[in-house]
């Protein structure tokens, strides 16, 4: 399979894992890649791109690239909230069979994981896969800055998929890329609604939003976007960070330590929307969620977890 995985294929896999759906209708195989319009908007300091026409034009290079790879003619289908690239084929070609094998038969981005082979791939293959992920799930703009004003890229993953954020984080932070992830904003009741305010206001499931990996712009620049206007904003904000935050070195994760201010016990900690590994457990920090989901970045120490009654 390693000979099958070239940069074009890695990019396609990134698009599929990020926002892809595979299905068969009346013997016709379909691959649908969704580009939500909100994720394609990009607003910088001096530059801003948020028009639908600009977004649609920016996808032409991707459509041509996928057409050459798959030997079918992709279609661009526009809806109110997104634009989809649709590939259809009556043949169960080697390409389709290999995609199915790499994705372990899963057919929706809601449950897909990063193919095992990616973790052992060469640097450029990993970058192309991450560019595919970023093009369909990533957002860049001045709204993503931290409290100090340092700009970040957001990579969003649907709440149903709790494994993919851990895998993306590992792919970014492991060698040879070694791109530090600032934080993961989990769609978890303790993280997104730690003060229980929304729950008390009647929005019991307001916490179940997308998970968001946050990476500083200058750190993400070696990967970047294939969508041109997003990459232009990335370069602008990365340069801003280098100019005003040159003395602050980004580190892979934050070393685990007890949170001084403990979060409230949330009634939704036992929600069925949480994966079994998290259900019924209290987490005061994002990295506690990571550890419970199998992250190997740090050794899990019982003393770092507070018992809640």
Protein backbone atom coordinates (compact mmCIF):
# COMPACT_ATOMS: atom_id res chain seq x y z
CA UNK A 1 0.00 0.00 0.00
CA UNK A 2 2.94 2.35 0.53
CA UNK A 3 3.60 2.50 -3.23
CA UNK A 4 -0.05 3.41 -3.77
CA UNK A 5 0.19 6.34 -1.34
CA UNK A 6 1.65 9.24 -3.31
CA UNK A 7 1.06 12.97 -2.51
CA UNK A 8 -2.11 13.16 -4.64
CA UNK A 9 -3.61 10.12 -2.93
CA UNK A 10 -2.62 11.42 0.51
CA UNK A 11 -4.38 14.72 -0.23
CA UNK A 12 -7.53 12.91 -1.38
CA UNK A 13 -7.52 10.79 1.78
CA UNK A 14 -7.26 13.96 3.86
CA UNK A 15 -10.31 15.40 2.11
CA UNK A 16 -12.26 12.18 2.67
CA UNK A 17 -11.36 11.77 6.35
CA UNK A 18 -12.08 15.46 6.90
CA UNK A 19 -15.46 15.77 5.19
CA UNK A 20 -16.03 12.81 2.90
CA UNK A 21 -18.91 10.39 2.40
CA UNK A 22 -18.72 7.22 0.32
CA UNK A 23 -21.89 5.50 -0.84
CA UNK A 24 -23.33 3.35 -3.60
CA UNK A 25 -26.57 4.22 -5.40
CA UNK A 26 -28.00 1.80 -7.99
CA UNK A 27 -24.55 0.34 -8.62
CA UNK A 28 -22.99 3.79 -8.94
CA UNK A 29 -20.15 4.49 -6.51
CA UNK A 30 -20.18 8.03 -5.17
CA UNK A 31 -17.61 10.02 -3.24
CA UNK A 32 -18.90 13.31 -1.85
CA UNK A 33 -16.51 15.84 -0.32
CA UNK A 34 -18.22 18.68 1.53
CA UNK A 35 -16.77 22.18 1.85
CA UNK A 36 -18.87 24.15 4.38
CA UNK A 37 -18.90 27.82 3.39
CA UNK A 38 -18.16 28.94 6.95
CA UNK A 39 -14.91 26.94 6.94
CA UNK A 40 -13.86 28.45 3.62
CA UNK A 41 -14.16 32.04 4.76
CA UNK A 42 -10.85 33.68 5.59
CA UNK A 43 -10.47 37.13 7.15
CA UNK A 44 -7.07 38.60 7.85
CA UNK A 45 -5.79 41.95 9.02
CA UNK A 46 -5.61 43.63 5.61
CA UNK A 47 -7.01 40.91 3.37
CA UNK A 48 -10.44 39.33 3.52
CA UNK A 49 -12.07 36.59 1.44
CA UNK A 50 -15.63 35.57 2.18
CA UNK A 51 -17.50 35.72 -1.11
CA UNK A 52 -19.06 32.59 -2.55
CA UNK A 53 -17.65 33.29 -6.02
CA UNK A 54 -14.10 33.42 -4.68
CA UNK A 55 -14.60 30.15 -2.83
CA UNK A 56 -16.00 28.35 -5.87
CA UNK A 57 -13.14 29.51 -8.09
CA UNK A 58 -10.58 28.39 -5.51
CA UNK A 59 -11.77 24.80 -5.82
CA UNK A 60 -11.03 24.49 -9.54
CA UNK A 61 -7.43 23.38 -8.96
CA UNK A 62 -8.64 20.71 -6.54
CA UNK A 63 -11.23 19.47 -9.04
CA UNK A 64 -8.61 19.19 -11.78
CA UNK A 65 -6.22 17.38 -9.45
CA UNK A 66 -8.84 14.86 -8.33
CA UNK A 67 -9.96 14.31 -11.92
CA UNK A 68 -6.44 13.35 -12.99
CA UNK A 69 -6.02 11.04 -10.00
CA UNK A 70 -9.36 9.23 -10.22
CA UNK A 71 -9.79 9.36 -14.03
CA UNK A 72 -13.37 10.56 -13.61
CA UNK A 73 -14.78 14.06 -14.04
CA UNK A 74 -15.71 15.55 -10.65
CA UNK A 75 -18.86 17.63 -10.36
CA UNK A 76 -19.21 20.78 -8.28
CA UNK A 77 -22.61 20.93 -6.54
CA UNK A 78 -23.56 24.13 -4.70
CA UNK A 79 -26.08 24.25 -1.87
CA UNK A 80 -27.07 27.00 0.56
CA UNK A 81 -24.48 26.11 3.20
CA UNK A 82 -21.74 24.31 1.29
CA UNK A 83 -20.23 23.30 -1.99
CA UNK A 84 -19.65 19.61 -2.66
CA UNK A 85 -17.22 17.90 -4.98
CA UNK A 86 -18.87 14.71 -6.24
CA UNK A 87 -17.04 11.85 -7.97
CA UNK A 88 -19.05 8.99 -9.48
CA UNK A 89 -18.01 5.71 -11.09
CA UNK A 90 -19.65 2.46 -12.16
CA UNK A 91 -16.33 0.63 -11.84
CA UNK A 92 -15.00 -0.97 -8.68
CA UNK A 93 -11.50 0.06 -9.70
CA UNK A 94 -8.27 -0.47 -7.79
CA UNK A 95 -8.54 3.13 -6.56
CA UNK A 96 -11.91 2.54 -4.90
CA UNK A 97 -10.80 -0.79 -3.45
CA UNK A 98 -7.65 0.72 -1.97
CA UNK A 99 -9.56 3.64 -0.45
CA UNK A 100 -11.96 1.16 1.13
CA UNK A 101 -9.07 -0.87 2.54
CA UNK A 102 -7.19 2.14 3.91
CA UNK A 103 -10.32 3.48 5.61
CA UNK A 104 -11.23 0.02 6.97
CA UNK A 105 -14.58 0.01 5.22
CA UNK A 106 -15.87 3.14 6.93
CA UNK A 107 -17.91 5.37 4.66
CA UNK A 108 -18.51 8.60 6.59
CA UNK A 109 -16.22 11.27 7.99
CA UNK A 110 -18.34 11.08 11.14
CA UNK A 111 -16.54 7.85 12.05
CA UNK A 112 -13.39 7.74 9.91
CA UNK A 113 -9.90 7.57 11.35
CA UNK A 114 -6.47 8.33 9.92
CA UNK A 115 -5.17 5.28 8.00
CA UNK A 116 -2.42 3.53 9.96
CA UNK A 117 0.01 3.82 7.06
CA UNK A 118 0.01 7.64 7.35
CA UNK A 119 1.81 7.55 10.69
CA UNK A 120 4.79 5.80 9.08
CA UNK A 121 4.75 7.82 5.85
CA UNK A 122 7.40 10.29 4.70
CA UNK A 123 7.12 13.98 5.54
CA UNK A 124 5.56 15.25 2.30
CA UNK A 125 2.89 12.52 2.38
CA UNK A 126 1.90 13.57 5.90
CA UNK A 127 1.78 17.22 4.88
CA UNK A 128 -0.46 16.52 1.88
CA UNK A 129 -2.85 14.50 4.03
CA UNK A 130 -3.03 17.31 6.59
CA UNK A 131 -3.58 19.87 3.81
CA UNK A 132 -6.58 17.84 2.70
CA UNK A 133 -7.91 17.81 6.27
CA UNK A 134 -7.27 21.55 6.64
CA UNK A 135 -8.87 22.52 3.33
CA UNK A 136 -12.25 21.07 4.34
CA UNK A 137 -12.21 21.47 8.14
CA UNK A 138 -9.69 24.23 8.83
CA UNK A 139 -10.43 27.91 9.33
CA UNK A 140 -8.05 30.85 9.52
CA UNK A 141 -8.84 34.42 10.47
CA UNK A 142 -8.45 37.15 13.05
CA UNK A 143 -11.28 35.61 15.09
CA UNK A 144 -9.03 32.68 15.99
CA UNK A 145 -6.46 34.61 18.00
CA UNK A 146 -5.73 33.73 21.62
CA UNK A 147 -6.18 36.10 24.59
CA UNK A 148 -2.80 37.71 23.89
CA UNK A 149 -3.74 38.35 20.25
CA UNK A 150 -1.62 35.59 18.69
CA UNK A 151 -3.35 34.14 15.63
CA UNK A 152 -4.24 30.47 15.26
CA UNK A 153 -5.56 27.95 12.74
CA UNK A 154 -8.63 26.00 13.85
CA UNK A 155 -9.17 22.43 12.66
CA UNK A 156 -12.73 21.34 13.46
CA UNK A 157 -13.96 17.76 13.86
CA UNK A 158 -17.61 16.78 14.28
CA UNK A 159 -18.60 15.97 17.85
CA UNK A 160 -19.42 12.35 16.98
CA UNK A 161 -15.79 11.60 16.14
CA UNK A 162 -13.72 11.52 19.35
CA UNK A 163 -10.73 9.61 17.98
CA UNK A 164 -9.79 11.79 15.00
CA UNK A 165 -8.66 14.86 17.04
CA UNK A 166 -6.18 12.70 18.98
CA UNK A 167 -4.86 11.24 15.71
CA UNK A 168 -4.51 14.61 13.97
CA UNK A 169 -2.68 15.95 17.03
CA UNK A 170 -0.28 12.98 16.96
CA UNK A 171 0.40 13.36 13.24
CA UNK A 172 1.19 17.05 13.69
CA UNK A 173 3.36 16.74 16.79
CA UNK A 174 5.34 13.57 16.03
CA UNK A 175 8.51 13.57 13.95
CA UNK A 176 9.29 14.68 11.32
CA UNK A 177 6.71 17.50 11.42
CA UNK A 178 6.90 18.37 15.13
CA UNK A 179 4.21 21.05 14.80
CA UNK A 180 2.97 21.99 18.29
CA UNK A 181 -0.76 21.96 18.99
CA UNK A 182 -1.68 24.84 21.28
CA UNK A 183 -4.81 23.15 22.67
CA UNK A 184 -7.81 20.99 21.79
CA UNK A 185 -11.13 22.61 22.61
CA UNK A 186 -13.20 19.47 23.18
CA UNK A 187 -16.95 19.36 22.70
CA UNK A 188 -17.24 18.01 26.24
CA UNK A 189 -19.55 19.30 29.03
CA UNK A 190 -16.65 20.08 31.40
CA UNK A 191 -14.68 21.90 28.70
CA UNK A 192 -17.36 23.75 26.72
CA UNK A 193 -19.81 24.40 29.57
CA UNK A 194 -17.66 24.10 32.67
CA UNK A 195 -19.70 26.65 34.64
CA UNK A 196 -22.99 24.83 33.79
CA UNK A 197 -24.52 28.18 32.75
CA UNK A 198 -25.91 26.98 29.40
CA UNK A 199 -27.34 23.85 31.04
CA UNK A 200 -29.19 25.95 33.61
CA UNK A 201 -30.57 28.12 30.79
CA UNK A 202 -32.21 25.07 29.21
CA UNK A 203 -29.53 24.36 26.59
CA UNK A 204 -28.60 20.95 27.98
CA UNK A 205 -26.64 19.79 24.93
CA UNK A 206 -25.00 23.10 24.01
CA UNK A 207 -21.64 21.56 24.90
CA UNK A 208 -21.87 18.93 22.12
CA UNK A 209 -20.27 21.14 19.48
CA UNK A 210 -17.33 20.46 17.20
CA UNK A 211 -13.95 19.62 18.67
CA UNK A 212 -11.34 22.19 17.65
CA UNK A 213 -7.57 21.73 17.44
CA UNK A 214 -5.81 25.09 17.65
CA UNK A 215 -2.36 25.63 16.11
CA UNK A 216 -0.50 28.94 15.93
CA UNK A 217 -0.40 30.30 12.38
CA UNK A 218 3.39 30.41 12.03
CA UNK A 219 3.63 26.80 13.28
CA UNK A 220 1.04 25.59 10.76
CA UNK A 221 2.63 27.44 7.84
CA UNK A 222 4.89 24.47 6.79
CA UNK A 223 1.67 22.52 6.10
CA UNK A 224 -0.57 25.33 4.94
CA UNK A 225 -3.66 25.14 2.72
CA UNK A 226 -4.12 24.18 -0.93
CA UNK A 227 -7.04 26.61 -1.09
CA UNK A 228 -5.25 29.74 -2.24
CA UNK A 229 -7.16 32.45 -0.40
CA UNK A 230 -6.91 30.59 2.93
CA UNK A 231 -3.18 30.23 2.48
CA UNK A 232 -2.80 33.95 1.74
CA UNK A 233 -4.46 34.80 5.06
CA UNK A 234 -2.35 32.17 6.83
CA UNK A 235 0.85 33.83 5.57
CA UNK A 236 -0.34 37.27 6.65
CA UNK A 237 -1.22 36.14 10.17
CA UNK A 238 1.91 34.00 10.52
CA UNK A 239 4.03 37.05 9.71
CA UNK A 240 2.11 39.08 12.28
CA UNK A 241 2.83 36.43 14.92
CA UNK A 242 6.53 36.39 14.05
CA UNK A 243 6.67 40.16 14.34
CA UNK A 244 4.84 40.55 17.65
CA UNK A 245 5.39 37.19 19.39
CA UNK A 246 8.92 36.28 18.36
CA UNK A 247 9.95 35.66 21.97
CA UNK A 248 7.21 33.13 22.62
CA UNK A 249 8.07 29.61 21.52
CA UNK A 250 5.10 27.30 21.00
CA UNK A 251 5.34 24.00 22.85
CA UNK A 252 3.69 20.63 22.09
CA UNK A 253 0.71 20.55 24.44
CA UNK A 254 0.81 22.03 27.91
CA UNK A 255 2.57 19.82 30.50
CA UNK A 256 -0.11 18.18 32.64
CA UNK A 257 -0.75 19.81 35.97
CA UNK A 258 -3.71 20.24 38.22
CA UNK A 259 -6.01 23.08 37.29
CA UNK A 260 -6.05 25.48 40.24
CA UNK A 261 -9.68 26.41 39.73
CA UNK A 262 -11.71 23.21 39.47
CA UNK A 263 -14.68 23.03 37.15
CA UNK A 264 -18.19 22.32 38.41
CA UNK A 265 -19.63 18.82 38.22
CA UNK A 266 -21.82 18.84 35.10
CA UNK A 267 -25.10 16.86 34.87
CA UNK A 268 -24.15 15.81 31.33
CA UNK A 269 -20.96 13.98 32.39
CA UNK A 270 -22.89 10.71 31.99
CA UNK A 271 -24.45 11.63 28.64
CA UNK A 272 -24.78 8.88 26.04
CA UNK A 273 -23.31 11.32 23.54
CA UNK A 274 -19.95 10.89 25.25
CA UNK A 275 -17.78 7.90 24.29
CA UNK A 276 -17.55 5.07 26.87
CA UNK A 277 -13.99 6.11 27.79
CA UNK A 278 -15.30 9.48 29.06
CA UNK A 279 -18.80 8.67 30.24
CA UNK A 280 -19.22 9.27 33.98
CA UNK A 281 -15.81 10.90 34.39
CA UNK A 282 -15.00 14.48 35.35
CA UNK A 283 -12.26 16.38 33.52
CA UNK A 284 -10.94 19.79 34.55
CA UNK A 285 -8.56 20.29 31.61
CA UNK A 286 -8.47 19.45 27.92
CA UNK A 287 -5.47 17.15 28.32
CA UNK A 288 -7.38 14.96 30.78
CA UNK A 289 -9.86 14.28 27.98
CA UNK A 290 -6.92 13.47 25.69
CA UNK A 291 -5.45 10.98 28.17
CA UNK A 292 -8.76 9.21 28.71
CA UNK A 293 -9.09 8.83 24.93
CA UNK A 294 -5.68 7.15 24.65
CA UNK A 295 -3.19 9.97 24.04
CA UNK A 296 0.35 8.79 24.80
CA UNK A 297 1.94 12.24 25.01
CA UNK A 298 2.08 12.11 28.81
CA UNK A 299 1.92 9.35 31.37
CA UNK A 300 -1.41 9.31 33.13
CA UNK A 301 -0.95 10.03 36.82
CA UNK A 302 -3.80 9.52 39.23
CA UNK A 303 -2.71 12.52 41.30
CA UNK A 304 -3.50 14.81 38.37
CA UNK A 305 -7.18 13.86 38.42
CA UNK A 306 -9.47 15.19 41.12
CA UNK A 307 -12.10 12.86 42.56
CA UNK A 308 -15.57 14.36 42.25
CA UNK A 309 -18.55 13.31 44.30
